[in-house]
Structure formats: structure tokens, C-alpha cells
Amino acid sequence: MASSKESSTSTDSLAKEASAVLARLKSELDQPNDDWKISVLETIAIWPLANEDIAGERLDYLIGGEAFNWRLLAQRLLSECGAEIDHEIWWDWISEPVLFAGFEEPEFMRAVGVDKFRAHLSYFYGVTVEQALVAAVEEEATHRRVAAGRQLSDHSLEIVYETLYGNTREQLWGFFKLEIGVQPAREGWRHRDEHSLADEDAFVYWLFKLRMERSDPAKIASDTRKGLAKLERMRQSDIQRKKLVQSDKIQQRIRKRPKRSKNT
């Protein structure tokens, strides 16, 4: 077992390595070109830290040593190094829920490396698609209750967790805390009030693995298709929203143009 001194030395070494990686990326992005996305992905490939504490917030890039959130790391890198790239442009890139960041699968895998590519797939299906599946089942439950003329409530949505995972969300959080070691919420506080984004992602990934254990292959495939379909509907809705926003901006610019004089 490594001593605390050895552990501290290793942590310091990784932190120095991360600083050097950041400096190199910043130098590349100070003069951005069409390959800036590849530069970010290649930096992700050699990034040495599985998690960080930034401004009091814990960032877990790798959940359970299995599921890698490249978007979270890309956001951290571009927030520090991407000053020369329009914030809206890089934010749109990392926030779009597509599987390979807009690249073909082989190109994305080459950029981030095989290990992080596989871990990315674990995160995509285990967190992103799982969240979409929960949203899809919530949507179905809502439609059924509305069609039946029944009132919606937080309790009614617990049916979603019972349907997918066999227990209420509160019970599942309790099991998760026992297994993973998440600190319990203070008395009188709702669970989600105490949870960080890292906790939520870890919880969703835990739910995904639980569903894999409890479901037969046909049910797993059906639920995966449902989650992917919901994710695509969300993506299309976001594309439509952005088109409407862009159209509004164009109309505003047109209205602000000074009117030409008839004598001109």
C-alpha cells in the first residue's frame, strides 16, 4: 500500500502533467483553425486526471473507473484555454448529444484513444441514454395520467423508477449510498438538494447497471431504443429552437438597420 507521502507525490506529479497539457492546448488554441476540435479531443486523450476540484466544485470525468464524460472535460479545457474561440460555438459543440462529437467513429476513436473511447461509450449509454430513457418513461406516464383525467404529482412520477428499477427514487438513493458511500442528506432536506452533478451522474450510471442486471436482453434492447429515440427527439427540438432564435436575431438586425432616404 502506498504511503500518504507517496500518494501526495503522485497527485502532485499528475497535477504538474495536467498543467503542462493545458499550456500546450492553450498555445494551440491561441491561433484557432478548423482543427481546434481535434486539438481538444487529442488533449483529452492524454489528460491524466480522473477528477478535479475547481473553484470548490468536484468534477468527475471518469465514473467508477468505467464511464468517461468527455464533454465535462472539454468544457473545463475550453473554459480555460479557448478564449480565442467564440463561447457559443464551442458550447454548442460539446452540448449536442451526438455519439461521436460530430465526427465519424474511427476519427473520434483515434483522437481520444481506444481506452477513453470505450469509456465514452459506457458514459453515453450508461448516463446520457439512461437519462433520456427516464425522461421518455416519465413522458409516457404523464400522457397516461392526463388522458385519464388524473392530477399529476411528484409521487406519480415515482412510478417511473418503480417501472424501470423496481423501487422508488428515494429507496434507490438509499441503496446507492450504502453501496457507493455518498453522504446522506441532512434531516429535513430532500435528497437532490444535497447532491452534486457528479453524484447525480454516478447515481444514473448505477441505475443503468442495476437495470442491466435485472432485465432480460429483449427488454434491455427495447429500453435502449426508447432512450435513443427520446434523445433524438430532444436533439431535433433543440435544433428547431436554435433556428427560431437565429431567425429572431436576423429579424432584429433588419429592424435596426437605418432606413434609406427616398432621395438616396
C-alpha atoms as a PDB file:
ATOM      1  CA  MET A   1       0.000   0.000   0.000  1.00  0.00           C
ATOM      2  CA  ALA A   2       1.332   3.442  -0.927  1.00  0.00           C
ATOM      3  CA  SER A   3       2.113   5.811   1.921  1.00  0.00           C
ATOM      4  CA  SER A   4       0.373   9.173   2.214  1.00  0.00           C
ATOM      5  CA  LYS A   5       3.636  10.819   1.173  1.00  0.00           C
ATOM      6  CA  GLU A   6       3.885   8.647  -1.959  1.00  0.00           C
ATOM      7  CA  SER A   7       0.225   9.332  -2.754  1.00  0.00           C
ATOM      8  CA  SER A   8       0.750  13.062  -2.379  1.00  0.00           C
ATOM      9  CA  THR A   9       3.821  12.917  -4.625  1.00  0.00           C
ATOM     10  CA  SER A  10       1.840  11.033  -7.286  1.00  0.00           C
ATOM     11  CA  THR A  11      -1.016  13.565  -7.093  1.00  0.00           C
ATOM     12  CA  ASP A  12       1.419  16.470  -7.428  1.00  0.00           C
ATOM     13  CA  SER A  13       3.050  14.777 -10.418  1.00  0.00           C
ATOM     14  CA  LEU A  14      -0.315  14.322 -12.164  1.00  0.00           C
ATOM     15  CA  ALA A  15      -1.252  17.942 -11.410  1.00  0.00           C
ATOM     16  CA  LYS A  16       2.012  19.149 -12.991  1.00  0.00           C
ATOM     17  CA  GLU A  17       1.387  16.929 -16.008  1.00  0.00           C
ATOM     18  CA  ALA A  18      -2.125  18.374 -16.334  1.00  0.00           C
ATOM     19  CA  SER A  19      -0.742  21.927 -16.185  1.00  0.00           C
ATOM     20  CA  ALA A  20       1.705  21.127 -18.988  1.00  0.00           C
ATOM     21  CA  VAL A  21      -1.106  19.629 -21.100  1.00  0.00           C
ATOM     22  CA  LEU A  22      -3.205  22.748 -20.525  1.00  0.00           C
ATOM     23  CA  ALA A  23      -0.342  25.042 -21.522  1.00  0.00           C
ATOM     24  CA  ARG A  24       0.155  23.139 -24.764  1.00  0.00           C
ATOM     25  CA  LEU A  25      -3.539  23.271 -25.637  1.00  0.00           C
ATOM     26  CA  LYS A  26      -3.716  26.985 -24.862  1.00  0.00           C
ATOM     27  CA  SER A  27      -0.796  27.588 -27.229  1.00  0.00           C
ATOM     28  CA  GLU A  28      -2.591  25.661 -29.984  1.00  0.00           C
ATOM     29  CA  LEU A  29      -5.914  27.441 -29.443  1.00  0.00           C
ATOM     30  CA  ASP A  30      -4.411  30.949 -29.277  1.00  0.00           C
ATOM     31  CA  GLN A  31      -4.474  30.764 -33.075  1.00  0.00           C
ATOM     32  CA  PRO A  32      -7.564  28.618 -33.692  1.00  0.00           C
ATOM     33  CA  ASN A  33      -8.144  26.925 -37.030  1.00  0.00           C
ATOM     34  CA  ASP A  34     -10.569  24.381 -38.407  1.00  0.00           C
ATOM     35  CA  ASP A  35      -8.835  21.623 -36.416  1.00  0.00           C
ATOM     36  CA  TRP A  36      -9.411  23.114 -32.950  1.00  0.00           C
ATOM     37  CA  LYS A  37     -11.936  20.387 -32.067  1.00  0.00           C
ATOM     38  CA  ILE A  38      -9.374  17.699 -32.867  1.00  0.00           C
ATOM     39  CA  SER A  39      -6.853  19.560 -30.688  1.00  0.00           C
ATOM     40  CA  VAL A  40      -9.283  19.412 -27.769  1.00  0.00           C
ATOM     41  CA  LEU A  41     -10.007  15.707 -28.313  1.00  0.00           C
ATOM     42  CA  GLU A  42      -6.308  14.868 -28.597  1.00  0.00           C
ATOM     43  CA  THR A  43      -5.709  16.761 -25.357  1.00  0.00           C
ATOM     44  CA  ILE A  44      -8.462  14.712 -23.737  1.00  0.00           C
ATOM     45  CA  ALA A  45      -6.620  11.566 -24.871  1.00  0.00           C
ATOM     46  CA  ILE A  46      -3.546  12.442 -22.780  1.00  0.00           C
ATOM     47  CA  TRP A  47      -5.336  14.149 -19.871  1.00  0.00           C
ATOM     48  CA  PRO A  48      -4.005  12.469 -16.698  1.00  0.00           C
ATOM     49  CA  LEU A  49      -6.671  13.299 -14.093  1.00  0.00           C
ATOM     50  CA  ALA A  50      -9.838  11.280 -13.449  1.00  0.00           C
ATOM     51  CA  ASN A  51     -11.301  14.099 -11.344  1.00  0.00           C
ATOM     52  CA  GLU A  52     -10.544  17.603 -10.103  1.00  0.00           C
ATOM     53  CA  ASP A  53     -11.773  20.201  -7.658  1.00  0.00           C
ATOM     54  CA  ILE A  54     -12.221  23.508  -9.486  1.00  0.00           C
ATOM     55  CA  ALA A  55     -13.425  26.570  -7.558  1.00  0.00           C
ATOM     56  CA  GLY A  56     -14.965  24.360  -4.889  1.00  0.00           C
ATOM     57  CA  GLU A  57     -16.750  22.116  -7.405  1.00  0.00           C
ATOM     58  CA  ARG A  58     -15.812  18.486  -7.880  1.00  0.00           C
ATOM     59  CA  LEU A  59     -15.512  17.391 -11.495  1.00  0.00           C
ATOM     60  CA  ASP A  60     -15.586  13.622 -12.017  1.00  0.00           C
ATOM     61  CA  TYR A  61     -14.544  12.875 -15.570  1.00  0.00           C
ATOM     62  CA  LEU A  62     -14.406   9.110 -15.000  1.00  0.00           C
ATOM     63  CA  ILE A  63     -17.251   7.441 -13.088  1.00  0.00           C
ATOM     64  CA  GLY A  64     -16.432   4.202 -11.339  1.00  0.00           C
ATOM     65  CA  GLY A  65     -13.323   3.796 -13.457  1.00  0.00           C
ATOM     66  CA  GLU A  66     -15.631   2.926 -16.378  1.00  0.00           C
ATOM     67  CA  ALA A  67     -17.725   5.800 -17.743  1.00  0.00           C
ATOM     68  CA  PHE A  68     -15.883   8.796 -19.204  1.00  0.00           C
ATOM     69  CA  ASN A  69     -17.610  12.191 -19.594  1.00  0.00           C
ATOM     70  CA  TRP A  70     -15.553  13.808 -22.351  1.00  0.00           C
ATOM     71  CA  ARG A  71     -17.930  16.771 -22.566  1.00  0.00           C
ATOM     72  CA  LEU A  72     -17.303  17.758 -18.957  1.00  0.00           C
ATOM     73  CA  LEU A  73     -13.551  17.638 -19.530  1.00  0.00           C
ATOM     74  CA  ALA A  74     -13.864  19.523 -22.829  1.00  0.00           C
ATOM     75  CA  GLN A  75     -15.829  22.244 -21.060  1.00  0.00           C
ATOM     76  CA  ARG A  76     -13.145  22.506 -18.390  1.00  0.00           C
ATOM     77  CA  LEU A  77     -10.365  22.722 -21.032  1.00  0.00           C
ATOM     78  CA  LEU A  78     -12.128  25.241 -23.267  1.00  0.00           C
ATOM     79  CA  SER A  79     -13.196  27.408 -20.333  1.00  0.00           C
ATOM     80  CA  GLU A  80      -9.517  27.887 -19.537  1.00  0.00           C
ATOM     81  CA  CYS A  81      -7.878  27.682 -22.948  1.00  0.00           C
ATOM     82  CA  GLY A  82     -10.490  28.617 -25.536  1.00  0.00           C
ATOM     83  CA  ALA A  83     -10.551  32.391 -25.185  1.00  0.00           C
ATOM     84  CA  GLU A  84      -9.971  32.872 -28.920  1.00  0.00           C
ATOM     85  CA  ILE A  85     -12.951  30.657 -29.830  1.00  0.00           C
ATOM     86  CA  ASP A  86     -16.462  32.081 -29.604  1.00  0.00           C
ATOM     87  CA  HIS A  87     -18.069  30.705 -26.435  1.00  0.00           C
ATOM     88  CA  GLU A  88     -21.367  29.981 -28.194  1.00  0.00           C
ATOM     89  CA  ILE A  89     -19.599  27.958 -30.888  1.00  0.00           C
ATOM     90  CA  TRP A  90     -17.702  25.638 -28.554  1.00  0.00           C
ATOM     91  CA  TRP A  91     -20.642  25.352 -26.164  1.00  0.00           C
ATOM     92  CA  ASP A  92     -22.943  24.239 -28.992  1.00  0.00           C
ATOM     93  CA  TRP A  93     -20.343  21.631 -29.961  1.00  0.00           C
ATOM     94  CA  ILE A  94     -19.968  19.996 -26.544  1.00  0.00           C
ATOM     95  CA  SER A  95     -23.639  20.252 -25.590  1.00  0.00           C
ATOM     96  CA  GLU A  96     -25.063  18.471 -28.640  1.00  0.00           C
ATOM     97  CA  PRO A  97     -25.951  14.912 -27.517  1.00  0.00           C
ATOM     98  CA  VAL A  98     -24.478  13.056 -30.506  1.00  0.00           C
ATOM     99  CA  LEU A  99     -22.386   9.945 -30.067  1.00  0.00           C
ATOM    100  CA  PHE A 100     -19.065  10.944 -31.648  1.00  0.00           C
ATOM    101  CA  ALA A 101     -18.961  14.745 -31.294  1.00  0.00           C
ATOM    102  CA  GLY A 102     -19.857  15.266 -34.951  1.00  0.00           C
ATOM    103  CA  PHE A 103     -17.008  13.064 -36.224  1.00  0.00           C
ATOM    104  CA  GLU A 104     -17.025   9.622 -37.812  1.00  0.00           C
ATOM    105  CA  GLU A 105     -16.481   6.849 -35.263  1.00  0.00           C
ATOM    106  CA  PRO A 106     -12.903   5.928 -36.361  1.00  0.00           C
ATOM    107  CA  GLU A 107     -11.782   9.567 -36.339  1.00  0.00           C
ATOM    108  CA  PHE A 108     -13.220  10.181 -32.880  1.00  0.00           C
ATOM    109  CA  MET A 109     -11.618   6.990 -31.552  1.00  0.00           C
ATOM    110  CA  ARG A 110      -8.210   7.921 -32.987  1.00  0.00           C
ATOM    111  CA  ALA A 111      -8.438  11.367 -31.398  1.00  0.00           C
ATOM    112  CA  VAL A 112      -9.380  10.336 -27.850  1.00  0.00           C
ATOM    113  CA  GLY A 113      -7.649   6.944 -27.803  1.00  0.00           C
ATOM    114  CA  VAL A 114      -9.129   3.461 -27.504  1.00  0.00           C
ATOM    115  CA  ASP A 115      -9.471   3.373 -23.708  1.00  0.00           C
ATOM    116  CA  LYS A 116     -11.271   6.699 -23.417  1.00  0.00           C
ATOM    117  CA  PHE A 117     -13.348   5.857 -26.483  1.00  0.00           C
ATOM    118  CA  ARG A 118     -14.659   2.716 -24.772  1.00  0.00           C
ATOM    119  CA  ALA A 119     -15.242   4.613 -21.536  1.00  0.00           C
ATOM    120  CA  HIS A 120     -17.091   7.288 -23.531  1.00  0.00           C
ATOM    121  CA  LEU A 121     -19.456   4.629 -24.880  1.00  0.00           C
ATOM    122  CA  SER A 122     -20.084   3.484 -21.297  1.00  0.00           C
ATOM    123  CA  TYR A 123     -20.977   7.056 -20.312  1.00  0.00           C
ATOM    124  CA  PHE A 124     -23.130   7.668 -23.375  1.00  0.00           C
ATOM    125  CA  TYR A 125     -25.268   4.581 -22.880  1.00  0.00           C
ATOM    126  CA  GLY A 126     -24.990   4.424 -19.100  1.00  0.00           C
ATOM    127  CA  VAL A 127     -25.729   8.092 -18.322  1.00  0.00           C
ATOM    128  CA  THR A 128     -26.875  10.092 -21.372  1.00  0.00           C
ATOM    129  CA  VAL A 129     -29.201   7.460 -22.849  1.00  0.00           C
ATOM    130  CA  GLU A 130     -30.305   6.327 -19.373  1.00  0.00           C
ATOM    131  CA  GLN A 131     -31.387   9.889 -18.513  1.00  0.00           C
ATOM    132  CA  ALA A 132     -33.262  10.060 -21.820  1.00  0.00           C
ATOM    133  CA  LEU A 133     -34.945   6.727 -21.028  1.00  0.00           C
ATOM    134  CA  VAL A 134     -36.153   8.055 -17.668  1.00  0.00           C
ATOM    135  CA  ALA A 135     -37.477  11.170 -19.435  1.00  0.00           C
ATOM    136  CA  ALA A 136     -39.249   9.017 -22.036  1.00  0.00           C
ATOM    137  CA  VAL A 137     -40.947   6.858 -19.405  1.00  0.00           C
ATOM    138  CA  GLU A 138     -41.916   9.997 -17.447  1.00  0.00           C
ATOM    139  CA  GLU A 139     -43.440  11.382 -20.633  1.00  0.00           C
ATOM    140  CA  GLU A 140     -45.436   8.194 -21.174  1.00  0.00           C
ATOM    141  CA  ALA A 141     -46.660   8.220 -17.557  1.00  0.00           C
ATOM    142  CA  THR A 142     -47.674  11.877 -17.857  1.00  0.00           C
ATOM    143  CA  HIS A 143     -49.625  11.250 -21.067  1.00  0.00           C
ATOM    144  CA  ARG A 144     -51.458   8.327 -19.481  1.00  0.00           C
ATOM    145  CA  ARG A 145     -52.450  10.357 -16.419  1.00  0.00           C
ATOM    146  CA  VAL A 146     -53.557  13.348 -18.498  1.00  0.00           C
ATOM    147  CA  ALA A 147     -55.560  11.099 -20.810  1.00  0.00           C
ATOM    148  CA  ALA A 148     -57.240   9.544 -17.781  1.00  0.00           C
ATOM    149  CA  GLY A 149     -58.020  12.989 -16.327  1.00  0.00           C
ATOM    150  CA  ARG A 150     -55.845  12.337 -13.275  1.00  0.00           C
ATOM    151  CA  GLN A 151     -53.803  15.008 -11.482  1.00  0.00           C
ATOM    152  CA  LEU A 152     -50.025  14.982 -11.829  1.00  0.00           C
ATOM    153  CA  SER A 153     -47.849  14.840  -8.726  1.00  0.00           C
ATOM    154  CA  ASP A 154     -44.254  14.122  -7.711  1.00  0.00           C
ATOM    155  CA  HIS A 155     -45.463  10.847  -6.244  1.00  0.00           C
ATOM    156  CA  SER A 156     -46.951   9.769  -9.556  1.00  0.00           C
ATOM    157  CA  LEU A 157     -43.537  10.118 -11.198  1.00  0.00           C
ATOM    158  CA  GLU A 158     -42.073   7.649  -8.694  1.00  0.00           C
ATOM    159  CA  ILE A 159     -43.869   5.030 -10.777  1.00  0.00           C
ATOM    160  CA  VAL A 160     -41.197   5.644 -13.413  1.00  0.00           C
ATOM    161  CA  TYR A 161     -38.423   4.446 -11.104  1.00  0.00           C
ATOM    162  CA  GLU A 162     -40.507   1.525  -9.902  1.00  0.00           C
ATOM    163  CA  THR A 163     -41.183   0.566 -13.525  1.00  0.00           C
ATOM    164  CA  LEU A 164     -37.560   0.738 -14.627  1.00  0.00           C
ATOM    165  CA  TYR A 165     -35.669  -0.221 -11.474  1.00  0.00           C
ATOM    166  CA  GLY A 166     -38.160  -1.876  -9.124  1.00  0.00           C
ATOM    167  CA  ASN A 167     -38.077   0.735  -6.323  1.00  0.00           C
ATOM    168  CA  THR A 168     -38.863   4.410  -5.684  1.00  0.00           C
ATOM    169  CA  ARG A 169     -36.183   7.008  -6.356  1.00  0.00           C
ATOM    170  CA  GLU A 170     -35.753   7.607  -2.625  1.00  0.00           C
ATOM    171  CA  GLN A 171     -35.261   3.908  -1.936  1.00  0.00           C
ATOM    172  CA  LEU A 172     -32.806   3.630  -4.824  1.00  0.00           C
ATOM    173  CA  TRP A 173     -30.784   6.575  -3.492  1.00  0.00           C
ATOM    174  CA  GLY A 174     -30.629   4.792  -0.150  1.00  0.00           C
ATOM    175  CA  PHE A 175     -29.282   1.610  -1.747  1.00  0.00           C
ATOM    176  CA  PHE A 176     -26.848   3.669  -3.822  1.00  0.00           C
ATOM    177  CA  LYS A 177     -25.484   5.475  -0.764  1.00  0.00           C
ATOM    178  CA  LEU A 178     -24.942   2.207   1.079  1.00  0.00           C
ATOM    179  CA  GLU A 179     -23.046   0.718  -1.853  1.00  0.00           C
ATOM    180  CA  ILE A 180     -21.071   3.757  -3.027  1.00  0.00           C
ATOM    181  CA  GLY A 181     -20.690   5.735   0.189  1.00  0.00           C
ATOM    182  CA  VAL A 182     -22.452   9.003  -0.714  1.00  0.00           C
ATOM    183  CA  GLN A 183     -23.051  11.094   2.394  1.00  0.00           C
ATOM    184  CA  PRO A 184     -26.710  11.082   3.494  1.00  0.00           C
ATOM    185  CA  ALA A 185     -28.782  14.265   3.203  1.00  0.00           C
ATOM    186  CA  ARG A 186     -29.302  16.341   6.326  1.00  0.00           C
ATOM    187  CA  GLU A 187     -32.530  15.677   8.164  1.00  0.00           C
ATOM    188  CA  GLY A 188     -35.417  17.612   6.660  1.00  0.00           C
ATOM    189  CA  TRP A 189     -33.660  18.102   3.288  1.00  0.00           C
ATOM    190  CA  ARG A 190     -34.672  16.447   0.044  1.00  0.00           C
ATOM    191  CA  HIS A 191     -32.034  14.127  -1.398  1.00  0.00           C
ATOM    192  CA  ARG A 192     -31.419  16.047  -4.594  1.00  0.00           C
ATOM    193  CA  ASP A 193     -30.811  19.274  -2.636  1.00  0.00           C
ATOM    194  CA  GLU A 194     -27.619  17.691  -1.282  1.00  0.00           C
ATOM    195  CA  HIS A 195     -26.335  16.070  -4.456  1.00  0.00           C
ATOM    196  CA  SER A 196     -23.731  17.426  -6.822  1.00  0.00           C
ATOM    197  CA  LEU A 197     -23.771  16.854 -10.571  1.00  0.00           C
ATOM    198  CA  ALA A 198     -21.058  14.240 -10.037  1.00  0.00           C
ATOM    199  CA  ASP A 199     -23.297  12.401  -7.554  1.00  0.00           C
ATOM    200  CA  GLU A 200     -26.240  12.510  -9.968  1.00  0.00           C
ATOM    201  CA  ASP A 201     -24.182  11.116 -12.864  1.00  0.00           C
ATOM    202  CA  ALA A 202     -22.788   8.353 -10.656  1.00  0.00           C
ATOM    203  CA  PHE A 203     -26.323   7.543  -9.472  1.00  0.00           C
ATOM    204  CA  VAL A 204     -27.676   7.353 -13.033  1.00  0.00           C
ATOM    205  CA  TYR A 205     -24.803   5.088 -14.066  1.00  0.00           C
ATOM    206  CA  TRP A 206     -25.522   2.890 -11.043  1.00  0.00           C
ATOM    207  CA  LEU A 207     -29.195   2.717 -12.095  1.00  0.00           C
ATOM    208  CA  PHE A 208     -28.128   1.713 -15.599  1.00  0.00           C
ATOM    209  CA  LYS A 209     -26.033  -1.164 -14.274  1.00  0.00           C
ATOM    210  CA  LEU A 210     -28.874  -2.201 -11.964  1.00  0.00           C
ATOM    211  CA  ARG A 211     -31.273  -2.327 -14.919  1.00  0.00           C
ATOM    212  CA  MET A 212     -28.769  -4.393 -16.905  1.00  0.00           C
ATOM    213  CA  GLU A 213     -28.665  -6.927 -14.072  1.00  0.00           C
ATOM    214  CA  ARG A 214     -32.442  -7.156 -13.637  1.00  0.00           C
ATOM    215  CA  SER A 215     -33.655  -7.079 -17.259  1.00  0.00           C
ATOM    216  CA  ASP A 216     -33.608  -9.711 -19.984  1.00  0.00           C
ATOM    217  CA  PRO A 217     -31.799  -8.925 -23.280  1.00  0.00           C
ATOM    218  CA  ALA A 218     -35.016  -8.167 -25.191  1.00  0.00           C
ATOM    219  CA  LYS A 219     -36.149  -5.643 -22.548  1.00  0.00           C
ATOM    220  CA  ILE A 220     -32.689  -4.054 -22.451  1.00  0.00           C
ATOM    221  CA  ALA A 221     -32.714  -3.618 -26.239  1.00  0.00           C
ATOM    222  CA  SER A 222     -36.245  -2.184 -26.188  1.00  0.00           C
ATOM    223  CA  ASP A 223     -35.419   0.311 -23.430  1.00  0.00           C
ATOM    224  CA  THR A 224     -32.206   1.342 -25.191  1.00  0.00           C
ATOM    225  CA  ARG A 225     -34.134   2.077 -28.395  1.00  0.00           C
ATOM    226  CA  LYS A 226     -36.646   4.088 -26.387  1.00  0.00           C
ATOM    227  CA  GLY A 227     -33.893   6.144 -24.755  1.00  0.00           C
ATOM    228  CA  LEU A 228     -32.141   6.770 -28.070  1.00  0.00           C
ATOM    229  CA  ALA A 229     -35.423   7.810 -29.711  1.00  0.00           C
ATOM    230  CA  LYS A 230     -36.122  10.284 -26.893  1.00  0.00           C
ATOM    231  CA  LEU A 231     -32.590  11.645 -27.155  1.00  0.00           C
ATOM    232  CA  GLU A 232     -33.024  12.209 -30.887  1.00  0.00           C
ATOM    233  CA  ARG A 233     -36.361  13.998 -30.334  1.00  0.00           C
ATOM    234  CA  MET A 234     -34.659  16.245 -27.779  1.00  0.00           C
ATOM    235  CA  ARG A 235     -31.854  16.951 -30.250  1.00  0.00           C
ATOM    236  CA  GLN A 236     -34.274  17.830 -33.038  1.00  0.00           C
ATOM    237  CA  SER A 237     -36.241  20.107 -30.687  1.00  0.00           C
ATOM    238  CA  ASP A 238     -33.018  21.891 -29.758  1.00  0.00           C
ATOM    239  CA  ILE A 239     -32.100  22.317 -33.431  1.00  0.00           C
ATOM    240  CA  GLN A 240     -35.529  23.836 -34.102  1.00  0.00           C
ATOM    241  CA  ARG A 241     -35.179  26.126 -31.078  1.00  0.00           C
ATOM    242  CA  LYS A 242     -31.791  27.378 -32.316  1.00  0.00           C
ATOM    243  CA  LYS A 243     -33.233  28.037 -35.772  1.00  0.00           C
ATOM    244  CA  LEU A 244     -36.025  30.121 -34.248  1.00  0.00           C
ATOM    245  CA  VAL A 245     -33.553  32.049 -32.097  1.00  0.00           C
ATOM    246  CA  GLN A 246     -31.327  32.697 -35.121  1.00  0.00           C
ATOM    247  CA  SER A 247     -34.344  33.843 -37.149  1.00  0.00           C
ATOM    248  CA  ASP A 248     -35.334  36.251 -34.365  1.00  0.00           C
ATOM    249  CA  LYS A 249     -31.789  37.679 -34.282  1.00  0.00           C
ATOM    250  CA  ILE A 250     -31.834  38.219 -38.046  1.00  0.00           C
ATOM    251  CA  GLN A 251     -35.211  39.973 -37.862  1.00  0.00           C
ATOM    252  CA  GLN A 252     -33.958  42.205 -35.048  1.00  0.00           C
ATOM    253  CA  ARG A 253     -30.888  43.207 -37.092  1.00  0.00           C
ATOM    254  CA  ILE A 254     -33.102  44.004 -40.077  1.00  0.00           C
ATOM    255  CA  ARG A 255     -35.376  46.190 -37.961  1.00  0.00           C
ATOM    256  CA  LYS A 256     -32.369  48.053 -36.524  1.00  0.00           C
ATOM    257  CA  ARG A 257     -30.940  48.977 -39.948  1.00  0.00           C
ATOM    258  CA  PRO A 258     -31.357  52.676 -40.708  1.00  0.00           C
ATOM    259  CA  LYS A 259     -33.978  53.359 -43.387  1.00  0.00           C
ATOM    260  CA  ARG A 260     -32.683  54.769 -46.643  1.00  0.00           C
ATOM    261  CA  SER A 261     -33.827  58.205 -47.696  1.00  0.00           C
ATOM    262  CA  LYS A 262     -36.027  58.347 -50.806  1.00  0.00           C
ATOM    263  CA  ASN A 263     -33.553  60.792 -52.310  1.00  0.00           C
ATOM    264  CA  THR A 264     -30.680  58.337 -51.932  1.00  0.00           C
END
